PDB file of N, CA and C in Angstrom:
ATOM      1  N   MET A   1      10.968   2.071  16.115  1.00  0.00           N
ATOM      2  CA  MET A   1      10.110   2.204  14.952  1.00  0.00           C
ATOM      3  C   MET A   1       9.599   0.816  14.581  1.00  0.00           C
ATOM      4  N   LYS A   2       8.320   0.720  14.330  1.00  0.00           N
ATOM      5  CA  LYS A   2       7.716  -0.555  13.941  1.00  0.00           C
ATOM      6  C   LYS A   2       7.382  -0.508  12.456  1.00  0.00           C
ATOM      7  N   VAL A   3       7.981  -1.429  11.687  1.00  0.00           N
ATOM      8  CA  VAL A   3       7.769  -1.528  10.250  1.00  0.00           C
ATOM      9  C   VAL A   3       7.190  -2.904   9.951  1.00  0.00           C
ATOM     10  N   ILE A   4       6.124  -2.940   9.179  1.00  0.00           N
ATOM     11  CA  ILE A   4       5.494  -4.208   8.780  1.00  0.00           C
ATOM     12  C   ILE A   4       5.517  -4.305   7.268  1.00  0.00           C
ATOM     13  N   SER A   5       5.849  -5.473   6.764  1.00  0.00           N
ATOM     14  CA  SER A   5       5.765  -5.763   5.336  1.00  0.00           C
ATOM     15  C   SER A   5       4.758  -6.899   5.170  1.00  0.00           C
ATOM     16  N   VAL A   6       3.794  -6.694   4.272  1.00  0.00           N
ATOM     17  CA  VAL A   6       2.731  -7.683   4.114  1.00  0.00           C
ATOM     18  C   VAL A   6       2.368  -7.844   2.640  1.00  0.00           C
ATOM     19  N   ASN A   7       2.145  -9.084   2.232  1.00  0.00           N
ATOM     20  CA  ASN A   7       1.656  -9.390   0.897  1.00  0.00           C
ATOM     21  C   ASN A   7       0.151  -9.607   1.022  1.00  0.00           C
ATOM     22  N   THR A   8      -0.636  -8.674   0.514  1.00  0.00           N
ATOM     23  CA  THR A   8      -2.088  -8.767   0.669  1.00  0.00           C
ATOM     24  C   THR A   8      -2.754  -9.661  -0.374  1.00  0.00           C
ATOM     25  N   ASN A   9      -2.040  -9.976  -1.450  1.00  0.00           N
ATOM     26  CA  ASN A   9      -2.622 -10.765  -2.535  1.00  0.00           C
ATOM     27  C   ASN A   9      -3.944 -10.150  -3.001  1.00  0.00           C
ATOM     28  N   GLY A  10      -3.934  -8.828  -3.083  1.00  0.00           N
ATOM     29  CA  GLY A  10      -5.113  -8.072  -3.519  1.00  0.00           C
ATOM     30  C   GLY A  10      -5.632  -7.204  -2.391  1.00  0.00           C
ATOM     31  N   ILE A  11      -5.401  -5.913  -2.455  1.00  0.00           N
ATOM     32  CA  ILE A  11      -5.783  -5.001  -1.373  1.00  0.00           C
ATOM     33  C   ILE A  11      -7.299  -4.919  -1.196  1.00  0.00           C
ATOM     34  N   ARG A  12      -8.060  -5.054  -2.281  1.00  0.00           N
ATOM     35  CA  ARG A  12      -9.524  -5.002  -2.153  1.00  0.00           C
ATOM     36  C   ARG A  12     -10.052  -6.243  -1.454  1.00  0.00           C
ATOM     37  N   ALA A  13      -9.492  -7.410  -1.768  1.00  0.00           N
ATOM     38  CA  ALA A  13      -9.888  -8.643  -1.077  1.00  0.00           C
ATOM     39  C   ALA A  13      -9.482  -8.579   0.390  1.00  0.00           C
ATOM     40  N   ALA A  14      -8.299  -8.038   0.650  1.00  0.00           N
ATOM     41  CA  ALA A  14      -7.827  -7.902   2.028  1.00  0.00           C
ATOM     42  C   ALA A  14      -8.747  -6.974   2.821  1.00  0.00           C
ATOM     43  N   GLU A  15      -9.199  -5.908   2.180  1.00  0.00           N
ATOM     44  CA  GLU A  15     -10.113  -4.975   2.845  1.00  0.00           C
ATOM     45  C   GLU A  15     -11.398  -5.690   3.257  1.00  0.00           C
ATOM     46  N   ARG A  16     -11.929  -6.524   2.379  1.00  0.00           N
ATOM     47  CA  ARG A  16     -13.157  -7.268   2.694  1.00  0.00           C
ATOM     48  C   ARG A  16     -12.955  -8.250   3.840  1.00  0.00           C
ATOM     49  N   LYS A  17     -11.725  -8.688   4.036  1.00  0.00           N
ATOM     50  CA  LYS A  17     -11.414  -9.664   5.095  1.00  0.00           C
ATOM     51  C   LYS A  17     -10.960  -8.998   6.395  1.00  0.00           C
ATOM     52  N   GLY A  18     -11.045  -7.665   6.472  1.00  0.00           N
ATOM     53  CA  GLY A  18     -10.732  -6.972   7.719  1.00  0.00           C
ATOM     54  C   GLY A  18      -9.318  -6.431   7.848  1.00  0.00           C
ATOM     55  N   PHE A  19      -8.610  -6.302   6.744  1.00  0.00           N
ATOM     56  CA  PHE A  19      -7.222  -5.843   6.780  1.00  0.00           C
ATOM     57  C   PHE A  19      -7.066  -4.502   7.487  1.00  0.00           C
ATOM     58  N   PHE A  20      -7.947  -3.542   7.229  1.00  0.00           N
ATOM     59  CA  PHE A  20      -7.748  -2.211   7.780  1.00  0.00           C
ATOM     60  C   PHE A  20      -8.046  -2.137   9.269  1.00  0.00           C
ATOM     61  N   GLY A  21      -8.910  -2.985   9.767  1.00  0.00           N
ATOM     62  CA  GLY A  21      -9.095  -3.100  11.219  1.00  0.00           C
ATOM     63  C   GLY A  21      -7.840  -3.660  11.870  1.00  0.00           C
ATOM     64  N   TRP A  22      -7.273  -4.675  11.235  1.00  0.00           N
ATOM     65  CA  TRP A  22      -6.013  -5.266  11.703  1.00  0.00           C
ATOM     66  C   TRP A  22      -4.900  -4.223  11.675  1.00  0.00           C
ATOM     67  N   LEU A  23      -4.838  -3.454  10.581  1.00  0.00           N
ATOM     68  CA  LEU A  23      -3.798  -2.445  10.417  1.00  0.00           C
ATOM     69  C   LEU A  23      -3.815  -1.443  11.576  1.00  0.00           C
ATOM     70  N   GLN A  24      -4.986  -0.949  11.931  1.00  0.00           N
ATOM     71  CA  GLN A  24      -5.084   0.038  13.010  1.00  0.00           C
ATOM     72  C   GLN A  24      -4.611  -0.537  14.348  1.00  0.00           C
ATOM     73  N   LYS A  25      -4.878  -1.804  14.588  1.00  0.00           N
ATOM     74  CA  LYS A  25      -4.461  -2.444  15.845  1.00  0.00           C
ATOM     75  C   LYS A  25      -2.946  -2.602  15.934  1.00  0.00           C
ATOM     76  N   GLN A  26      -2.263  -2.658  14.807  1.00  0.00           N
ATOM     77  CA  GLN A  26      -0.813  -2.871  14.799  1.00  0.00           C
ATOM     78  C   GLN A  26      -0.039  -1.652  15.280  1.00  0.00           C
ATOM     79  N   LYS A  27      -0.587  -0.479  15.070  1.00  0.00           N
ATOM     80  CA  LYS A  27       0.083   0.777  15.446  1.00  0.00           C
ATOM     81  C   LYS A  27       1.505   0.846  14.885  1.00  0.00           C
ATOM     82  N   ALA A  28       1.646   0.386  13.654  1.00  0.00           N
ATOM     83  CA  ALA A  28       2.953   0.413  12.986  1.00  0.00           C
ATOM     84  C   ALA A  28       3.254   1.812  12.472  1.00  0.00           C
ATOM     85  N   ASP A  29       4.529   2.149  12.456  1.00  0.00           N
ATOM     86  CA  ASP A  29       4.951   3.441  11.909  1.00  0.00           C
ATOM     87  C   ASP A  29       4.905   3.429  10.393  1.00  0.00           C
ATOM     88  N   VAL A  30       5.290   2.294   9.813  1.00  0.00           N
ATOM     89  CA  VAL A  30       5.309   2.134   8.353  1.00  0.00           C
ATOM     90  C   VAL A  30       4.784   0.752   8.012  1.00  0.00           C
ATOM     91  N   VAL A  31       3.900   0.684   7.029  1.00  0.00           N
ATOM     92  CA  VAL A  31       3.415  -0.600   6.517  1.00  0.00           C
ATOM     93  C   VAL A  31       3.675  -0.618   5.022  1.00  0.00           C
ATOM     94  N   CYS A  32       4.440  -1.615   4.581  1.00  0.00           N
ATOM     95  CA  CYS A  32       4.776  -1.802   3.164  1.00  0.00           C
ATOM     96  C   CYS A  32       3.912  -2.936   2.632  1.00  0.00           C
ATOM     97  N   ILE A  33       3.168  -2.673   1.581  1.00  0.00           N
ATOM     98  CA  ILE A  33       2.227  -3.655   1.049  1.00  0.00           C
ATOM     99  C   ILE A  33       2.654  -4.071  -0.349  1.00  0.00           C
ATOM    100  N   GLN A  34       2.718  -5.377  -0.561  1.00  0.00           N
ATOM    101  CA  GLN A  34       2.998  -5.924  -1.878  1.00  0.00           C
ATOM    102  C   GLN A  34       1.731  -6.580  -2.421  1.00  0.00           C
ATOM    103  N   GLU A  35       1.679  -6.681  -3.734  1.00  0.00           N
ATOM    104  CA  GLU A  35       0.566  -7.354  -4.425  1.00  0.00           C
ATOM    105  C   GLU A  35      -0.774  -6.673  -4.140  1.00  0.00           C
ATOM    106  N   THR A  36      -0.841  -5.357  -4.373  1.00  0.00           N
ATOM    107  CA  THR A  36      -2.119  -4.667  -4.199  1.00  0.00           C
ATOM    108  C   THR A  36      -3.119  -5.094  -5.268  1.00  0.00           C
ATOM    109  N   LYS A  37      -2.622  -5.420  -6.437  1.00  0.00           N
ATOM    110  CA  LYS A  37      -3.459  -5.902  -7.555  1.00  0.00           C
ATOM    111  C   LYS A  37      -4.627  -4.973  -7.877  1.00  0.00           C
ATOM    112  N   ALA A  38      -4.392  -3.672  -7.728  1.00  0.00           N
ATOM    113  CA  ALA A  38      -5.437  -2.689  -8.035  1.00  0.00           C
ATOM    114  C   ALA A  38      -4.774  -1.388  -8.439  1.00  0.00           C
ATOM    115  N   ALA A  39      -5.413  -0.690  -9.344  1.00  0.00           N
ATOM    116  CA  ALA A  39      -4.950   0.647  -9.716  1.00  0.00           C
ATOM    117  C   ALA A  39      -5.522   1.635  -8.703  1.00  0.00           C
ATOM    118  N   ILE A  40      -4.795   2.694  -8.430  1.00  0.00           N
ATOM    119  CA  ILE A  40      -5.249   3.673  -7.441  1.00  0.00           C
ATOM    120  C   ILE A  40      -6.636   4.217  -7.786  1.00  0.00           C
ATOM    121  N   ALA A  41      -6.963   4.311  -9.054  1.00  0.00           N
ATOM    122  CA  ALA A  41      -8.290   4.796  -9.472  1.00  0.00           C
ATOM    123  C   ALA A  41      -9.413   3.857  -9.024  1.00  0.00           C
ATOM    124  N   GLN A  42      -9.087   2.604  -8.746  1.00  0.00           N
ATOM    125  CA  GLN A  42     -10.088   1.632  -8.289  1.00  0.00           C
ATOM    126  C   GLN A  42     -10.302   1.689  -6.776  1.00  0.00           C
ATOM    127  N   LEU A  43      -9.505   2.467  -6.085  1.00  0.00           N
ATOM    128  CA  LEU A  43      -9.540   2.491  -4.622  1.00  0.00           C
ATOM    129  C   LEU A  43     -10.190   3.774  -4.121  1.00  0.00           C
ATOM    130  N   LYS A  44     -11.477   3.863  -4.288  1.00  0.00           N
ATOM    131  CA  LYS A  44     -12.205   5.074  -3.944  1.00  0.00           C
ATOM    132  C   LYS A  44     -12.594   5.120  -2.459  1.00  0.00           C
ATOM    133  N   ALA A  45     -12.793   3.971  -1.847  1.00  0.00           N
ATOM    134  CA  ALA A  45     -13.222   3.936  -0.449  1.00  0.00           C
ATOM    135  C   ALA A  45     -12.167   4.546   0.466  1.00  0.00           C
ATOM    136  N   ARG A  46     -12.630   5.254   1.466  1.00  0.00           N
ATOM    137  CA  ARG A  46     -11.742   5.920   2.422  1.00  0.00           C
ATOM    138  C   ARG A  46     -10.804   4.924   3.119  1.00  0.00           C
ATOM    139  N   ASP A  47     -11.238   3.686   3.302  1.00  0.00           N
ATOM    140  CA  ASP A  47     -10.417   2.684   3.985  1.00  0.00           C
ATOM    141  C   ASP A  47      -9.049   2.511   3.340  1.00  0.00           C
ATOM    142  N   PHE A  48      -8.969   2.703   2.042  1.00  0.00           N
ATOM    143  CA  PHE A  48      -7.707   2.498   1.338  1.00  0.00           C
ATOM    144  C   PHE A  48      -6.717   3.640   1.575  1.00  0.00           C
ATOM    145  N   PHE A  49      -7.173   4.670   2.277  1.00  0.00           N
ATOM    146  CA  PHE A  49      -6.347   5.823   2.619  1.00  0.00           C
ATOM    147  C   PHE A  49      -6.535   6.108   4.109  1.00  0.00           C
ATOM    148  N   PRO A  50      -5.976   5.234   4.962  1.00  0.00           N
ATOM    149  CA  PRO A  50      -6.247   5.307   6.400  1.00  0.00           C
ATOM    150  C   PRO A  50      -5.910   6.671   7.014  1.00  0.00           C
ATOM    151  N   VAL A  51      -6.812   7.154   7.836  1.00  0.00           N
ATOM    152  CA  VAL A  51      -6.605   8.410   8.552  1.00  0.00           C
ATOM    153  C   VAL A  51      -5.360   8.269   9.419  1.00  0.00           C
ATOM    154  N   GLY A  52      -4.540   9.304   9.410  1.00  0.00           N
ATOM    155  CA  GLY A  52      -3.324   9.287  10.214  1.00  0.00           C
ATOM    156  C   GLY A  52      -2.119   8.732   9.484  1.00  0.00           C
ATOM    157  N   HIS A  53      -2.312   8.358   8.213  1.00  0.00           N
ATOM    158  CA  HIS A  53      -1.213   7.808   7.410  1.00  0.00           C
ATOM    159  C   HIS A  53      -1.000   8.655   6.150  1.00  0.00           C
ATOM    160  N   HIS A  54       0.244   8.736   5.751  1.00  0.00           N
ATOM    161  CA  HIS A  54       0.583   9.261   4.430  1.00  0.00           C
ATOM    162  C   HIS A  54       0.597   8.026   3.536  1.00  0.00           C
ATOM    163  N   VAL A  55      -0.144   8.079   2.441  1.00  0.00           N
ATOM    164  CA  VAL A  55      -0.373   6.884   1.621  1.00  0.00           C
ATOM    165  C   VAL A  55       0.210   7.072   0.233  1.00  0.00           C
ATOM    166  N   TYR A  56       0.959   6.049  -0.215  1.00  0.00           N
ATOM    167  CA  TYR A  56       1.593   6.089  -1.529  1.00  0.00           C
ATOM    168  C   TYR A  56       1.375   4.745  -2.215  1.00  0.00           C
ATOM    169  N   TYR A  57       0.718   4.768  -3.353  1.00  0.00           N
ATOM    170  CA  TYR A  57       0.508   3.561  -4.155  1.00  0.00           C
ATOM    171  C   TYR A  57       1.340   3.662  -5.425  1.00  0.00           C
ATOM    172  N   ASN A  58       1.849   2.537  -5.871  1.00  0.00           N
ATOM    173  CA  ASN A  58       2.521   2.459  -7.170  1.00  0.00           C
ATOM    174  C   ASN A  58       1.882   1.297  -7.922  1.00  0.00           C
ATOM    175  N   ASP A  59       1.087   1.635  -8.922  1.00  0.00           N
ATOM    176  CA  ASP A  59       0.346   0.628  -9.682  1.00  0.00           C
ATOM    177  C   ASP A  59       1.272  -0.194 -10.568  1.00  0.00           C
ATOM    178  N   ALA A  60       0.861  -1.412 -10.834  1.00  0.00           N
ATOM    179  CA  ALA A  60       1.562  -2.254 -11.797  1.00  0.00           C
ATOM    180  C   ALA A  60       1.212  -1.776 -13.206  1.00  0.00           C
ATOM    181  N   GLN A  61       2.073  -2.078 -14.158  1.00  0.00           N
ATOM    182  CA  GLN A  61       1.786  -1.705 -15.544  1.00  0.00           C
ATOM    183  C   GLN A  61       0.661  -2.551 -16.127  1.00  0.00           C
ATOM    184  N   LYS A  62       0.567  -3.803 -15.700  1.00  0.00           N
ATOM    185  CA  LYS A  62      -0.462  -4.705 -16.201  1.00  0.00           C
ATOM    186  C   LYS A  62      -1.583  -4.787 -15.156  1.00  0.00           C
ATOM    187  N   ALA A  63      -2.793  -4.472 -15.574  1.00  0.00           N
ATOM    188  CA  ALA A  63      -3.931  -4.449 -14.652  1.00  0.00           C
ATOM    189  C   ALA A  63      -4.112  -5.793 -13.948  1.00  0.00           C
ATOM    190  N   GLY A  64      -4.363  -5.722 -12.621  1.00  0.00           N
ATOM    191  CA  GLY A  64      -4.623  -6.930 -11.845  1.00  0.00           C
ATOM    192  C   GLY A  64      -3.381  -7.660 -11.374  1.00  0.00           C
ATOM    193  N   TYR A  65      -2.218  -7.091 -11.613  1.00  0.00           N
ATOM    194  CA  TYR A  65      -0.965  -7.735 -11.212  1.00  0.00           C
ATOM    195  C   TYR A  65      -0.178  -6.810 -10.300  1.00  0.00           C
ATOM    196  N   SER A  66       0.616  -7.397  -9.463  1.00  0.00           N
ATOM    197  CA  SER A  66       1.599  -6.685  -8.642  1.00  0.00           C
ATOM    198  C   SER A  66       1.021  -5.463  -7.954  1.00  0.00           C
ATOM    199  N   GLY A  67       1.753  -4.372  -7.989  1.00  0.00           N
ATOM    200  CA  GLY A  67       1.368  -3.153  -7.317  1.00  0.00           C
ATOM    201  C   GLY A  67       1.827  -3.158  -5.871  1.00  0.00           C
ATOM    202  N   VAL A  68       2.263  -1.993  -5.402  1.00  0.00           N
ATOM    203  CA  VAL A  68       2.731  -1.861  -4.029  1.00  0.00           C
ATOM    204  C   VAL A  68       2.161  -0.592  -3.415  1.00  0.00           C
ATOM    205  N   ALA A  69       2.237  -0.526  -2.103  1.00  0.00           N
ATOM    206  CA  ALA A  69       1.798   0.671  -1.386  1.00  0.00           C
ATOM    207  C   ALA A  69       2.622   0.812  -0.112  1.00  0.00           C
ATOM    208  N   VAL A  70       2.689   2.032   0.363  1.00  0.00           N
ATOM    209  CA  VAL A  70       3.323   2.325   1.648  1.00  0.00           C
ATOM    210  C   VAL A  70       2.376   3.212   2.431  1.00  0.00           C
ATOM    211  N   TYR A  71       2.113   2.826   3.675  1.00  0.00           N
ATOM    212  CA  TYR A  71       1.352   3.648   4.608  1.00  0.00           C
ATOM    213  C   TYR A  71       2.331   4.051   5.700  1.00  0.00           C
ATOM    214  N   SER A  72       2.506   5.342   5.889  1.00  0.00           N
ATOM    215  CA  SER A  72       3.480   5.825   6.862  1.00  0.00           C
ATOM    216  C   SER A  72       2.839   6.861   7.775  1.00  0.00           C
ATOM    217  N   ARG A  73       3.048   6.710   9.062  1.00  0.00           N
ATOM    218  CA  ARG A  73       2.519   7.689  10.020  1.00  0.00           C
ATOM    219  C   ARG A  73       3.332   8.983   9.995  1.00  0.00           C
ATOM    220  N   VAL A  74       4.575   8.897   9.535  1.00  0.00           N
ATOM    221  CA  VAL A  74       5.451  10.070   9.440  1.00  0.00           C
ATOM    222  C   VAL A  74       5.636  10.397   7.962  1.00  0.00           C
ATOM    223  N   ARG A  75       5.489  11.665   7.608  1.00  0.00           N
ATOM    224  CA  ARG A  75       5.675  12.068   6.212  1.00  0.00           C
ATOM    225  C   ARG A  75       7.139  11.848   5.827  1.00  0.00           C
ATOM    226  N   PRO A  76       7.377  11.051   4.782  1.00  0.00           N
ATOM    227  CA  PRO A  76       8.763  10.828   4.352  1.00  0.00           C
ATOM    228  C   PRO A  76       9.371  12.095   3.743  1.00  0.00           C
ATOM    229  N   ASP A  77      10.680  12.186   3.823  1.00  0.00           N
ATOM    230  CA  ASP A  77      11.379  13.320   3.209  1.00  0.00           C
ATOM    231  C   ASP A  77      11.251  13.279   1.694  1.00  0.00           C
ATOM    232  N   GLN A  78      11.191  12.066   1.160  1.00  0.00           N
ATOM    233  CA  GLN A  78      11.132  11.898  -0.298  1.00  0.00           C
ATOM    234  C   GLN A  78      10.468  10.567  -0.621  1.00  0.00           C
ATOM    235  N   VAL A  79       9.741  10.523  -1.719  1.00  0.00           N
ATOM    236  CA  VAL A  79       9.133   9.286  -2.212  1.00  0.00           C
ATOM    237  C   VAL A  79       9.579   9.099  -3.646  1.00  0.00           C
ATOM    238  N   ARG A  80      10.109   7.927  -3.934  1.00  0.00           N
ATOM    239  CA  ARG A  80      10.520   7.595  -5.302  1.00  0.00           C
ATOM    240  C   ARG A  80       9.671   6.435  -5.792  1.00  0.00           C
ATOM    241  N   TYR A  81       9.238   6.553  -7.019  1.00  0.00           N
ATOM    242  CA  TYR A  81       8.429   5.496  -7.630  1.00  0.00           C
ATOM    243  C   TYR A  81       9.302   4.738  -8.609  1.00  0.00           C
ATOM    244  N   GLY A  82       9.476   3.445  -8.371  1.00  0.00           N
ATOM    245  CA  GLY A  82      10.319   2.620  -9.232  1.00  0.00           C
ATOM    246  C   GLY A  82      11.768   2.688  -8.806  1.00  0.00           C
ATOM    247  N   LEU A  83      12.565   1.889  -9.490  1.00  0.00           N
ATOM    248  CA  LEU A  83      13.987   1.804  -9.194  1.00  0.00           C
ATOM    249  C   LEU A  83      14.832   2.607 -10.165  1.00  0.00           C
ATOM    250  N   GLY A  84      14.202   3.105 -11.216  1.00  0.00           N
ATOM    251  CA  GLY A  84      14.955   3.843 -12.225  1.00  0.00           C
ATOM    252  C   GLY A  84      15.616   2.933 -13.243  1.00  0.00           C
ATOM    253  N   HIS A  85      15.202   1.684 -13.277  1.00  0.00           N
ATOM    254  CA  HIS A  85      15.730   0.697 -14.219  1.00  0.00           C
ATOM    255  C   HIS A  85      14.550   0.054 -14.924  1.00  0.00           C
ATOM    256  N   PRO A  86      14.362   0.311 -16.214  1.00  0.00           N
ATOM    257  CA  PRO A  86      13.155  -0.138 -16.929  1.00  0.00           C
ATOM    258  C   PRO A  86      12.859  -1.646 -16.809  1.00  0.00           C
ATOM    259  N   VAL A  87      13.866  -2.474 -16.772  1.00  0.00           N
ATOM    260  CA  VAL A  87      13.637  -3.924 -16.683  1.00  0.00           C
ATOM    261  C   VAL A  87      12.966  -4.289 -15.358  1.00  0.00           C
ATOM    262  N   PHE A  88      13.368  -3.625 -14.289  1.00  0.00           N
ATOM    263  CA  PHE A  88      12.842  -3.952 -12.966  1.00  0.00           C
ATOM    264  C   PHE A  88      11.619  -3.129 -12.601  1.00  0.00           C
ATOM    265  N   ASP A  89      11.480  -1.958 -13.192  1.00  0.00           N
ATOM    266  CA  ASP A  89      10.312  -1.139 -12.906  1.00  0.00           C
ATOM    267  C   ASP A  89       9.088  -1.717 -13.602  1.00  0.00           C
TER     268      ASP A  89
END
């Protein structure tokens, strides 16, 4: 299984720089993205939901900060959002 973890420092900026072309070439089973810096409502383009992947975004509470996403070629048995601890979530 190939798992990649990447800090995009803004998923929209990464998209403009060719991130999704790079992503397809990696053929990773799971890609974990940190610092999306975008709310899911701002990600209307199809590129942000790559074909062949199950996509899960978790927005930051403060706009323009943090945010994470997971792109997985295999549907996970379960997806949990947050850690269940208010200080860390």
